[in-house]
C-alpha cells in the first residue's frame, strides 16, 4: 500500500454505476482477500438485524433504531442541530452512524461521501437512504474502494466520521489513511471516530 501513499485519486478516476463509484481497477480490488472477506460479511450483516413482533402480535413500527441499533458512546455526545458543508465517512457500511446523526442529532450537510470496500454494504446504504431519507438535502457520493484511497480534493471535507473501522486496518495502511484524512480535512474542522 505504500506505493499509493503519494498517489492522488479523484472521483474522475472512478466509474459511477447504480449510484456507487467504482475504481477503474475494480476487478483487481475484487480479487483481494480483504475485499472478499468484507463482501461476504456485507451480504449477511444487515440481514442479521431482524424485526420481530411484540408478544401481543402487533407489528413493531419500522423504526430505524430497531433496524440498525442505536450507535452509542461518542455518537450520543455529538451536538444537536449542527450543519456542515461536507461529511466523509470512512467504512460507511450501510449508514448506521450517519442515519443516527441525521435523525437523532439533526445533523445537516450539503455533501456526504461514504467510502467502504464492501459493495453489498454500500448497496444496502442506498436502500437505507431511500427508506429513511437521512441527510435529505445532501448530495450523496458512495465510493467502493479500500479506505486508504480517498478520491477527494485537498482541504475539501468539513467532518470525517468513522465507526469501528480502524481496528481492521494494518498499522502501515492506517498511517497512510490518517495522512490522507489530514489531507482532505479542512483546517480547523473535525474528525470523529
N, C-alpha and C. Protein backbone atom coordinates (compact mmCIF):
# COMPACT_ATOMS: atom_id res chain seq x y z
N UNK A 1 0.82 -1.20 0.00
CA UNK A 1 0.00 0.00 0.00
C UNK A 1 0.86 1.25 0.00
N UNK A 2 2.09 1.17 0.41
CA UNK A 2 2.93 2.36 0.50
C UNK A 2 3.08 3.05 -0.85
N UNK A 3 3.03 2.31 -1.96
CA UNK A 3 3.13 2.96 -3.25
C UNK A 3 1.93 3.86 -3.53
N UNK A 4 0.82 3.67 -2.86
CA UNK A 4 -0.36 4.51 -3.05
C UNK A 4 -0.31 5.77 -2.20
N UNK A 5 0.60 5.81 -1.22
CA UNK A 5 0.63 6.92 -0.28
C UNK A 5 0.82 8.27 -0.97
N UNK A 6 1.56 8.31 -2.06
CA UNK A 6 1.82 9.58 -2.74
C UNK A 6 0.98 9.76 -4.00
N UNK A 7 0.06 8.84 -4.27
CA UNK A 7 -0.78 8.93 -5.45
C UNK A 7 -2.11 9.56 -5.07
N UNK A 8 -2.53 10.54 -5.84
CA UNK A 8 -3.83 11.17 -5.59
C UNK A 8 -4.83 10.65 -6.60
N UNK A 9 -6.03 10.39 -6.11
CA UNK A 9 -7.12 9.96 -6.96
C UNK A 9 -8.23 11.01 -6.86
N UNK A 10 -9.06 11.05 -7.87
CA UNK A 10 -10.27 11.88 -7.80
C UNK A 10 -11.43 11.03 -8.26
N UNK A 11 -12.63 11.51 -8.03
CA UNK A 11 -13.80 10.75 -8.48
C UNK A 11 -13.83 10.61 -10.00
N UNK A 12 -13.08 11.45 -10.70
CA UNK A 12 -12.98 11.30 -12.16
C UNK A 12 -12.27 10.01 -12.55
N UNK A 13 -11.49 9.44 -11.62
CA UNK A 13 -10.80 8.17 -11.86
C UNK A 13 -11.71 6.97 -11.57
N UNK A 14 -12.94 7.24 -11.17
CA UNK A 14 -13.89 6.19 -10.79
C UNK A 14 -15.07 6.18 -11.77
N UNK A 15 -15.72 5.04 -11.85
CA UNK A 15 -16.89 4.89 -12.72
C UNK A 15 -18.15 4.82 -11.85
N UNK A 16 -19.14 5.64 -12.17
CA UNK A 16 -20.40 5.65 -11.43
C UNK A 16 -21.36 4.63 -12.04
N UNK A 17 -21.78 3.66 -11.21
CA UNK A 17 -22.74 2.64 -11.63
C UNK A 17 -23.77 2.45 -10.52
N UNK A 18 -25.02 2.61 -10.85
CA UNK A 18 -26.11 2.39 -9.90
C UNK A 18 -25.92 3.16 -8.59
N UNK A 19 -25.44 4.40 -8.70
CA UNK A 19 -25.30 5.25 -7.53
C UNK A 19 -24.05 5.04 -6.71
N UNK A 20 -23.12 4.19 -7.19
CA UNK A 20 -21.89 3.91 -6.46
C UNK A 20 -20.71 4.12 -7.41
N UNK A 21 -19.66 4.79 -6.90
CA UNK A 21 -18.43 4.97 -7.67
C UNK A 21 -17.51 3.76 -7.45
N UNK A 22 -16.98 3.24 -8.57
CA UNK A 22 -16.06 2.11 -8.52
C UNK A 22 -14.73 2.51 -9.17
N UNK A 23 -13.59 2.07 -8.60
CA UNK A 23 -12.30 2.40 -9.21
C UNK A 23 -12.13 1.69 -10.55
N UNK A 24 -11.29 2.24 -11.40
CA UNK A 24 -11.08 1.63 -12.72
C UNK A 24 -10.46 0.24 -12.59
N UNK A 25 -9.74 -0.03 -11.50
CA UNK A 25 -9.15 -1.36 -11.28
C UNK A 25 -10.01 -2.21 -10.33
N UNK A 26 -11.33 -2.07 -10.46
CA UNK A 26 -12.24 -2.75 -9.54
C UNK A 26 -12.06 -4.27 -9.57
N UNK A 27 -11.83 -4.84 -10.74
CA UNK A 27 -11.63 -6.29 -10.81
C UNK A 27 -10.42 -6.72 -10.00
N UNK A 28 -9.36 -5.94 -10.04
CA UNK A 28 -8.17 -6.23 -9.24
C UNK A 28 -8.50 -6.13 -7.75
N UNK A 29 -9.25 -5.10 -7.36
CA UNK A 29 -9.67 -4.95 -5.97
C UNK A 29 -10.54 -6.13 -5.55
N UNK A 30 -11.43 -6.58 -6.45
CA UNK A 30 -12.30 -7.72 -6.16
C UNK A 30 -11.52 -8.99 -5.85
N UNK A 31 -10.32 -9.11 -6.38
CA UNK A 31 -9.52 -10.31 -6.17
C UNK A 31 -8.72 -10.30 -4.88
N UNK A 32 -8.80 -9.21 -4.10
CA UNK A 32 -8.06 -9.18 -2.84
C UNK A 32 -8.85 -9.92 -1.76
N UNK A 33 -8.13 -10.56 -0.87
CA UNK A 33 -8.79 -11.30 0.22
C UNK A 33 -9.57 -10.36 1.13
N UNK A 34 -9.03 -9.16 1.35
CA UNK A 34 -9.69 -8.18 2.22
C UNK A 34 -11.09 -7.85 1.69
N UNK A 35 -11.19 -7.59 0.38
CA UNK A 35 -12.49 -7.27 -0.21
C UNK A 35 -13.42 -8.47 -0.18
N UNK A 36 -12.90 -9.64 -0.50
CA UNK A 36 -13.73 -10.86 -0.48
C UNK A 36 -14.33 -11.07 0.91
N UNK A 37 -13.50 -10.85 1.93
CA UNK A 37 -13.98 -11.02 3.32
C UNK A 37 -15.11 -10.05 3.62
N UNK A 38 -14.92 -8.76 3.29
CA UNK A 38 -15.93 -7.75 3.62
C UNK A 38 -17.16 -7.85 2.73
N UNK A 39 -17.03 -8.32 1.52
CA UNK A 39 -18.22 -8.56 0.69
C UNK A 39 -19.05 -9.70 1.29
N UNK A 40 -18.38 -10.75 1.77
CA UNK A 40 -19.10 -11.87 2.40
C UNK A 40 -19.81 -11.39 3.67
N UNK A 41 -19.13 -10.59 4.48
CA UNK A 41 -19.76 -10.04 5.68
C UNK A 41 -20.92 -9.14 5.29
N UNK A 42 -20.71 -8.31 4.29
CA UNK A 42 -21.74 -7.37 3.86
C UNK A 42 -23.00 -8.03 3.36
N UNK A 43 -22.90 -9.23 2.82
CA UNK A 43 -24.08 -9.94 2.29
C UNK A 43 -24.99 -10.41 3.41
N UNK A 44 -24.45 -10.60 4.60
CA UNK A 44 -25.27 -11.12 5.71
C UNK A 44 -25.45 -10.15 6.85
N UNK A 45 -24.64 -9.12 6.95
CA UNK A 45 -24.63 -8.25 8.13
C UNK A 45 -25.97 -7.59 8.37
N UNK A 46 -26.51 -6.91 7.38
CA UNK A 46 -27.79 -6.22 7.61
C UNK A 46 -28.91 -7.22 7.83
N UNK A 47 -28.85 -8.38 7.19
CA UNK A 47 -29.88 -9.40 7.35
C UNK A 47 -29.98 -9.92 8.77
N UNK A 48 -28.92 -9.75 9.56
CA UNK A 48 -28.97 -10.23 10.94
C UNK A 48 -29.79 -9.31 11.82
N UNK A 49 -30.13 -8.13 11.32
CA UNK A 49 -30.94 -7.18 12.08
C UNK A 49 -32.41 -7.46 11.79
N UNK A 50 -33.04 -8.27 12.59
CA UNK A 50 -34.41 -8.71 12.34
C UNK A 50 -35.43 -7.84 13.07
N UNK A 51 -36.57 -7.68 12.45
CA UNK A 51 -37.69 -7.04 13.12
C UNK A 51 -38.61 -8.16 13.60
N UNK A 52 -38.85 -8.17 14.88
CA UNK A 52 -39.70 -9.18 15.48
C UNK A 52 -41.05 -8.56 15.83
N UNK A 53 -42.00 -9.39 16.10
CA UNK A 53 -43.31 -8.91 16.53
C UNK A 53 -43.35 -8.89 18.06
N UNK A 54 -44.04 -7.91 18.59
CA UNK A 54 -44.23 -7.82 20.04
C UNK A 54 -45.10 -9.01 20.46
N UNK A 55 -44.97 -9.40 21.71
CA UNK A 55 -45.67 -10.58 22.21
C UNK A 55 -47.16 -10.57 21.91
N UNK A 56 -47.78 -9.38 21.90
CA UNK A 56 -49.22 -9.34 21.63
C UNK A 56 -49.52 -9.43 20.13
N UNK A 57 -48.52 -9.73 19.33
CA UNK A 57 -48.60 -9.91 17.88
C UNK A 57 -48.86 -8.64 17.08
N UNK A 58 -48.86 -7.49 17.76
CA UNK A 58 -48.97 -6.26 16.97
C UNK A 58 -47.61 -5.95 16.37
N UNK A 59 -47.56 -5.53 15.10
CA UNK A 59 -46.26 -5.28 14.48
C UNK A 59 -45.56 -4.07 15.09
N UNK A 60 -44.26 -4.17 15.19
CA UNK A 60 -43.46 -3.05 15.64
C UNK A 60 -43.35 -2.07 14.48
N UNK A 61 -43.49 -0.81 14.79
CA UNK A 61 -43.29 0.22 13.77
C UNK A 61 -41.87 0.08 13.21
N UNK A 62 -41.71 0.23 11.91
CA UNK A 62 -40.38 0.10 11.31
C UNK A 62 -39.55 1.34 11.58
N UNK A 63 -39.05 1.39 12.79
CA UNK A 63 -38.22 2.49 13.25
C UNK A 63 -36.77 2.17 12.92
N UNK A 64 -36.03 3.15 12.45
CA UNK A 64 -34.65 2.88 12.06
C UNK A 64 -33.81 2.36 13.22
N UNK A 65 -34.12 2.75 14.47
CA UNK A 65 -33.32 2.26 15.59
C UNK A 65 -33.54 0.77 15.81
N UNK A 66 -34.72 0.26 15.47
CA UNK A 66 -34.96 -1.18 15.58
C UNK A 66 -34.24 -1.93 14.47
N UNK A 67 -34.15 -1.33 13.30
CA UNK A 67 -33.50 -1.99 12.19
C UNK A 67 -31.99 -1.99 12.32
N UNK A 68 -31.44 -0.93 12.85
CA UNK A 68 -29.99 -0.79 12.80
C UNK A 68 -29.32 -0.77 14.16
N UNK A 69 -30.06 -0.65 15.22
CA UNK A 69 -29.45 -0.44 16.52
C UNK A 69 -29.05 1.01 16.64
N UNK A 70 -28.97 1.50 17.83
CA UNK A 70 -28.60 2.89 18.04
C UNK A 70 -27.12 2.96 18.40
N UNK A 71 -26.34 3.70 17.62
CA UNK A 71 -24.94 3.88 18.00
C UNK A 71 -24.86 4.57 19.36
N UNK A 72 -23.88 4.22 20.13
CA UNK A 72 -23.75 4.81 21.47
C UNK A 72 -22.45 5.57 21.61
N UNK A 73 -22.04 5.75 22.86
CA UNK A 73 -20.76 6.38 23.16
C UNK A 73 -20.59 7.74 22.55
N UNK A 74 -19.58 7.89 21.72
CA UNK A 74 -19.24 9.16 21.08
C UNK A 74 -20.43 9.75 20.33
N UNK A 75 -21.18 8.90 19.66
CA UNK A 75 -22.28 9.40 18.82
C UNK A 75 -23.38 10.01 19.67
N UNK A 76 -23.58 9.53 20.90
CA UNK A 76 -24.58 10.12 21.79
C UNK A 76 -24.14 11.50 22.28
N UNK A 77 -22.83 11.76 22.30
CA UNK A 77 -22.30 13.04 22.75
C UNK A 77 -22.24 14.07 21.63
N UNK A 78 -22.55 13.64 20.43
CA UNK A 78 -22.50 14.54 19.29
C UNK A 78 -23.51 15.67 19.49
N UNK A 79 -23.13 16.92 19.22
CA UNK A 79 -24.05 18.04 19.48
C UNK A 79 -25.28 18.02 18.57
N UNK A 80 -26.33 18.64 19.06
CA UNK A 80 -27.59 18.72 18.31
C UNK A 80 -27.57 19.88 17.31
N UNK A 81 -28.32 19.70 16.24
CA UNK A 81 -28.66 20.78 15.29
C UNK A 81 -27.45 21.45 14.65
N UNK A 82 -26.45 20.68 14.29
CA UNK A 82 -25.28 21.23 13.61
C UNK A 82 -25.47 21.11 12.10
N UNK A 83 -24.77 21.94 11.38
CA UNK A 83 -24.79 21.90 9.92
C UNK A 83 -23.37 22.04 9.41
N UNK A 84 -22.99 21.18 8.47
CA UNK A 84 -21.66 21.22 7.87
C UNK A 84 -21.81 21.16 6.35
N UNK A 85 -20.77 21.61 5.67
CA UNK A 85 -20.81 21.54 4.21
C UNK A 85 -20.66 20.12 3.70
N UNK A 86 -19.64 19.41 4.22
CA UNK A 86 -19.36 18.07 3.69
C UNK A 86 -18.95 17.10 4.80
N UNK A 87 -19.38 15.86 4.63
CA UNK A 87 -19.05 14.77 5.55
C UNK A 87 -18.43 13.65 4.75
N UNK A 88 -17.33 13.11 5.27
CA UNK A 88 -16.72 11.90 4.73
C UNK A 88 -16.83 10.83 5.80
N UNK A 89 -17.41 9.69 5.44
CA UNK A 89 -17.47 8.57 6.37
C UNK A 89 -16.56 7.46 5.85
N UNK A 90 -15.61 7.08 6.67
CA UNK A 90 -14.67 6.01 6.36
C UNK A 90 -15.28 4.70 6.87
N UNK A 91 -15.44 3.72 5.99
CA UNK A 91 -16.07 2.46 6.38
C UNK A 91 -17.54 2.67 6.65
N UNK A 92 -18.23 3.24 5.68
CA UNK A 92 -19.62 3.65 5.87
C UNK A 92 -20.58 2.50 6.10
N UNK A 93 -20.25 1.31 5.62
CA UNK A 93 -21.17 0.20 5.78
C UNK A 93 -22.53 0.56 5.21
N UNK A 94 -23.59 0.25 5.95
CA UNK A 94 -24.94 0.55 5.48
C UNK A 94 -25.48 1.87 6.01
N UNK A 95 -24.61 2.69 6.62
CA UNK A 95 -25.02 4.03 7.01
C UNK A 95 -25.56 4.19 8.40
N UNK A 96 -25.21 3.31 9.29
CA UNK A 96 -25.74 3.34 10.66
C UNK A 96 -25.43 4.65 11.37
N UNK A 97 -24.17 5.09 11.37
CA UNK A 97 -23.80 6.31 12.10
C UNK A 97 -24.43 7.56 11.49
N UNK A 98 -24.35 7.77 10.16
CA UNK A 98 -24.96 8.99 9.62
C UNK A 98 -26.49 9.00 9.73
N UNK A 99 -27.11 7.83 9.67
CA UNK A 99 -28.55 7.74 9.87
C UNK A 99 -28.90 8.25 11.26
N UNK A 100 -28.15 7.79 12.26
CA UNK A 100 -28.38 8.22 13.64
C UNK A 100 -28.11 9.72 13.79
N UNK A 101 -26.98 10.20 13.23
CA UNK A 101 -26.64 11.61 13.37
C UNK A 101 -27.67 12.51 12.69
N UNK A 102 -28.18 12.08 11.55
CA UNK A 102 -29.18 12.88 10.84
C UNK A 102 -30.51 12.89 11.58
N UNK A 103 -30.96 11.72 12.00
CA UNK A 103 -32.29 11.61 12.61
C UNK A 103 -32.31 12.01 14.09
N UNK A 104 -31.37 11.50 14.89
CA UNK A 104 -31.40 11.74 16.33
C UNK A 104 -30.70 13.03 16.73
N UNK A 105 -29.70 13.46 15.96
CA UNK A 105 -28.93 14.65 16.32
C UNK A 105 -29.21 15.83 15.38
N UNK A 106 -30.05 15.62 14.39
CA UNK A 106 -30.43 16.65 13.43
C UNK A 106 -29.21 17.30 12.75
N UNK A 107 -28.20 16.48 12.46
CA UNK A 107 -27.03 16.96 11.73
C UNK A 107 -27.43 17.13 10.27
N UNK A 108 -27.03 18.23 9.68
CA UNK A 108 -27.32 18.51 8.28
C UNK A 108 -26.00 18.69 7.53
N UNK A 109 -26.01 18.30 6.24
CA UNK A 109 -24.83 18.51 5.41
C UNK A 109 -25.26 18.74 3.97
N UNK A 110 -24.36 19.34 3.21
CA UNK A 110 -24.63 19.56 1.78
C UNK A 110 -24.13 18.40 0.93
N UNK A 111 -23.02 17.77 1.36
CA UNK A 111 -22.45 16.64 0.63
C UNK A 111 -22.05 15.55 1.61
N UNK A 112 -22.36 14.32 1.25
CA UNK A 112 -21.97 13.16 2.05
C UNK A 112 -21.16 12.23 1.14
N UNK A 113 -19.98 11.82 1.62
CA UNK A 113 -19.15 10.84 0.92
C UNK A 113 -19.02 9.62 1.83
N UNK A 114 -19.47 8.48 1.36
CA UNK A 114 -19.33 7.24 2.10
C UNK A 114 -18.36 6.33 1.38
N UNK A 115 -17.29 5.93 2.06
CA UNK A 115 -16.28 5.04 1.49
C UNK A 115 -16.35 3.70 2.21
N UNK A 116 -16.49 2.62 1.44
CA UNK A 116 -16.46 1.28 2.01
C UNK A 116 -15.96 0.32 0.95
N UNK A 117 -15.25 -0.72 1.37
CA UNK A 117 -14.74 -1.71 0.43
C UNK A 117 -15.82 -2.73 0.05
N UNK A 118 -16.89 -2.83 0.85
CA UNK A 118 -17.93 -3.83 0.63
C UNK A 118 -19.05 -3.29 -0.26
N UNK A 119 -19.13 -3.81 -1.46
CA UNK A 119 -20.21 -3.41 -2.37
C UNK A 119 -21.59 -3.77 -1.80
N UNK A 120 -21.77 -4.97 -1.21
CA UNK A 120 -23.09 -5.28 -0.64
C UNK A 120 -23.52 -4.29 0.45
N UNK A 121 -22.58 -3.85 1.29
CA UNK A 121 -22.95 -2.88 2.32
C UNK A 121 -23.32 -1.54 1.70
N UNK A 122 -22.60 -1.12 0.68
CA UNK A 122 -22.94 0.15 0.02
C UNK A 122 -24.30 0.05 -0.68
N UNK A 123 -24.61 -1.10 -1.25
CA UNK A 123 -25.93 -1.28 -1.89
C UNK A 123 -27.03 -1.19 -0.83
N UNK A 124 -26.76 -1.72 0.36
CA UNK A 124 -27.73 -1.60 1.46
C UNK A 124 -27.84 -0.15 1.90
N UNK A 125 -26.73 0.59 1.90
CA UNK A 125 -26.76 2.00 2.26
C UNK A 125 -27.67 2.77 1.30
N UNK A 126 -27.63 2.43 0.03
CA UNK A 126 -28.53 3.07 -0.95
C UNK A 126 -29.98 2.84 -0.53
N UNK A 127 -30.30 1.61 -0.12
CA UNK A 127 -31.67 1.29 0.31
C UNK A 127 -32.04 2.00 1.62
N UNK A 128 -31.11 2.05 2.56
CA UNK A 128 -31.37 2.73 3.84
C UNK A 128 -31.62 4.22 3.58
N UNK A 129 -30.84 4.81 2.68
CA UNK A 129 -31.05 6.22 2.31
C UNK A 129 -32.46 6.40 1.73
N UNK A 130 -32.88 5.49 0.86
CA UNK A 130 -34.21 5.58 0.27
C UNK A 130 -35.30 5.38 1.33
N UNK A 131 -35.09 4.43 2.24
CA UNK A 131 -36.09 4.12 3.26
C UNK A 131 -36.25 5.24 4.28
N UNK A 132 -35.15 5.87 4.69
CA UNK A 132 -35.19 6.80 5.82
C UNK A 132 -34.83 8.23 5.46
N UNK A 133 -34.39 8.48 4.24
CA UNK A 133 -34.10 9.81 3.74
C UNK A 133 -33.26 10.64 4.71
N UNK A 134 -32.19 10.03 5.23
CA UNK A 134 -31.31 10.80 6.10
C UNK A 134 -30.46 11.75 5.25
N UNK A 135 -30.02 12.84 5.85
CA UNK A 135 -29.37 13.94 5.14
C UNK A 135 -30.17 14.26 3.87
N UNK A 136 -31.43 14.64 4.02
CA UNK A 136 -32.32 14.77 2.85
C UNK A 136 -31.88 15.77 1.80
N UNK A 137 -31.18 16.83 2.18
CA UNK A 137 -30.76 17.83 1.20
C UNK A 137 -29.37 17.55 0.63
N UNK A 138 -28.70 16.51 1.11
CA UNK A 138 -27.30 16.28 0.74
C UNK A 138 -27.15 15.59 -0.61
N UNK A 139 -26.07 15.97 -1.29
CA UNK A 139 -25.60 15.23 -2.46
C UNK A 139 -24.91 13.98 -1.91
N UNK A 140 -25.28 12.82 -2.38
CA UNK A 140 -24.72 11.56 -1.89
C UNK A 140 -23.70 11.01 -2.86
N UNK A 141 -22.53 10.65 -2.35
CA UNK A 141 -21.46 10.06 -3.15
C UNK A 141 -20.96 8.82 -2.41
N UNK A 142 -21.27 7.64 -2.93
CA UNK A 142 -20.83 6.40 -2.33
C UNK A 142 -19.69 5.83 -3.17
N UNK A 143 -18.61 5.44 -2.49
CA UNK A 143 -17.38 5.06 -3.17
C UNK A 143 -16.94 3.69 -2.68
N UNK A 144 -16.89 2.73 -3.59
CA UNK A 144 -16.49 1.36 -3.25
C UNK A 144 -14.99 1.21 -3.52
N UNK A 145 -14.21 1.33 -2.46
CA UNK A 145 -12.77 1.22 -2.58
C UNK A 145 -12.19 0.94 -1.20
N UNK A 146 -10.91 0.65 -1.18
CA UNK A 146 -10.20 0.48 0.08
C UNK A 146 -10.13 1.83 0.79
N UNK A 147 -10.20 1.81 2.10
CA UNK A 147 -10.24 3.07 2.86
C UNK A 147 -8.97 3.90 2.73
N UNK A 148 -7.88 3.29 2.30
CA UNK A 148 -6.64 4.06 2.17
C UNK A 148 -6.64 4.95 0.94
N UNK A 149 -7.64 4.83 0.10
CA UNK A 149 -7.71 5.62 -1.13
C UNK A 149 -8.89 6.58 -1.01
N UNK A 150 -8.59 7.85 -0.81
CA UNK A 150 -9.64 8.85 -0.67
C UNK A 150 -9.62 9.73 -1.92
N UNK A 151 -10.53 9.50 -2.85
CA UNK A 151 -10.51 10.24 -4.12
C UNK A 151 -11.17 11.62 -3.99
N UNK A 152 -10.64 12.41 -3.06
CA UNK A 152 -11.22 13.72 -2.77
C UNK A 152 -10.13 14.78 -2.81
N UNK A 153 -10.55 16.00 -3.05
CA UNK A 153 -9.62 17.12 -3.14
C UNK A 153 -9.04 17.47 -1.76
N UNK A 154 -7.85 18.07 -1.77
CA UNK A 154 -7.24 18.58 -0.54
C UNK A 154 -8.18 19.60 0.11
N UNK A 155 -8.23 19.60 1.44
CA UNK A 155 -8.99 20.59 2.20
C UNK A 155 -10.44 20.74 1.72
N UNK A 156 -11.10 19.61 1.47
CA UNK A 156 -12.45 19.66 0.91
C UNK A 156 -13.54 19.15 1.85
N UNK A 157 -13.17 18.61 3.00
CA UNK A 157 -14.14 17.95 3.89
C UNK A 157 -14.20 18.68 5.23
N UNK A 158 -15.42 18.93 5.71
CA UNK A 158 -15.63 19.60 6.99
C UNK A 158 -15.61 18.64 8.18
N UNK A 159 -16.15 17.44 7.98
CA UNK A 159 -16.28 16.49 9.08
C UNK A 159 -15.99 15.09 8.55
N UNK A 160 -15.05 14.40 9.19
CA UNK A 160 -14.78 13.00 8.88
C UNK A 160 -15.31 12.18 10.04
N UNK A 161 -16.08 11.13 9.73
CA UNK A 161 -16.60 10.24 10.77
C UNK A 161 -16.23 8.80 10.41
N UNK A 162 -16.13 7.98 11.43
CA UNK A 162 -15.85 6.57 11.22
C UNK A 162 -16.26 5.81 12.47
N UNK A 163 -16.79 4.62 12.28
CA UNK A 163 -17.26 3.82 13.40
C UNK A 163 -16.73 2.40 13.26
N UNK A 164 -15.87 1.97 14.17
CA UNK A 164 -15.40 0.58 14.24
C UNK A 164 -14.67 0.12 12.99
N UNK A 165 -13.82 0.97 12.40
CA UNK A 165 -13.11 0.61 11.18
C UNK A 165 -11.61 0.46 11.42
N UNK A 166 -11.04 1.33 12.19
CA UNK A 166 -9.58 1.38 12.30
C UNK A 166 -8.96 0.12 12.88
N UNK A 167 -9.71 -0.65 13.66
CA UNK A 167 -9.18 -1.89 14.20
C UNK A 167 -8.97 -2.95 13.12
N UNK A 168 -9.57 -2.75 11.94
CA UNK A 168 -9.45 -3.71 10.85
C UNK A 168 -8.36 -3.34 9.85
N UNK A 169 -7.66 -2.24 10.08
CA UNK A 169 -6.67 -1.76 9.12
C UNK A 169 -5.28 -1.95 9.72
N UNK A 170 -4.37 -2.63 9.00
CA UNK A 170 -3.00 -2.81 9.49
C UNK A 170 -2.32 -1.45 9.73
N UNK A 171 -1.37 -1.43 10.67
CA UNK A 171 -0.72 -0.18 11.09
C UNK A 171 -0.15 0.64 9.93
N UNK A 172 0.58 0.01 9.02
CA UNK A 172 1.20 0.76 7.91
C UNK A 172 0.13 1.43 7.05
N UNK A 173 -0.94 0.73 6.77
CA UNK A 173 -2.02 1.30 5.98
C UNK A 173 -2.77 2.36 6.77
N UNK A 174 -2.88 2.16 8.08
CA UNK A 174 -3.57 3.13 8.93
C UNK A 174 -2.82 4.46 8.93
N UNK A 175 -1.50 4.41 8.97
CA UNK A 175 -0.71 5.65 8.91
C UNK A 175 -0.99 6.40 7.61
N UNK A 176 -1.04 5.66 6.50
CA UNK A 176 -1.34 6.29 5.20
C UNK A 176 -2.74 6.89 5.20
N UNK A 177 -3.70 6.16 5.76
CA UNK A 177 -5.08 6.65 5.81
C UNK A 177 -5.17 7.91 6.65
N UNK A 178 -4.55 7.91 7.82
CA UNK A 178 -4.60 9.10 8.67
C UNK A 178 -3.96 10.30 7.98
N UNK A 179 -2.88 10.08 7.24
CA UNK A 179 -2.26 11.17 6.49
C UNK A 179 -3.22 11.68 5.40
N UNK A 180 -3.94 10.75 4.75
CA UNK A 180 -4.87 11.16 3.70
C UNK A 180 -6.09 11.87 4.30
N UNK A 181 -6.54 11.44 5.47
CA UNK A 181 -7.63 12.15 6.15
C UNK A 181 -7.19 13.57 6.45
N UNK A 182 -5.98 13.71 6.94
CA UNK A 182 -5.44 15.05 7.22
C UNK A 182 -5.39 15.89 5.94
N UNK A 183 -5.09 15.26 4.83
CA UNK A 183 -5.00 15.97 3.55
C UNK A 183 -6.38 16.49 3.11
N UNK A 184 -7.43 15.68 3.24
CA UNK A 184 -8.75 16.08 2.73
C UNK A 184 -9.54 16.94 3.72
N UNK A 185 -9.21 16.87 5.01
CA UNK A 185 -9.94 17.61 6.03
C UNK A 185 -9.55 19.09 6.00
N UNK A 186 -10.55 19.96 5.98
CA UNK A 186 -10.28 21.39 6.02
C UNK A 186 -9.62 21.76 7.34
N UNK A 187 -8.69 22.72 7.32
CA UNK A 187 -8.05 23.13 8.57
C UNK A 187 -9.10 23.61 9.59
N UNK A 188 -8.95 23.13 10.82
CA UNK A 188 -9.83 23.56 11.89
C UNK A 188 -11.12 22.77 11.99
N UNK A 189 -11.34 21.80 11.11
CA UNK A 189 -12.57 21.00 11.18
C UNK A 189 -12.33 19.72 11.96
N UNK A 190 -13.30 18.80 11.99
CA UNK A 190 -13.28 17.71 12.94
C UNK A 190 -13.21 16.32 12.31
N UNK A 191 -12.60 15.42 13.08
CA UNK A 191 -12.51 14.01 12.76
C UNK A 191 -13.06 13.27 13.97
N UNK A 192 -14.17 12.59 13.82
CA UNK A 192 -14.86 11.93 14.94
C UNK A 192 -14.93 10.44 14.66
N UNK A 193 -14.29 9.64 15.54
CA UNK A 193 -14.32 8.20 15.34
C UNK A 193 -14.39 7.48 16.67
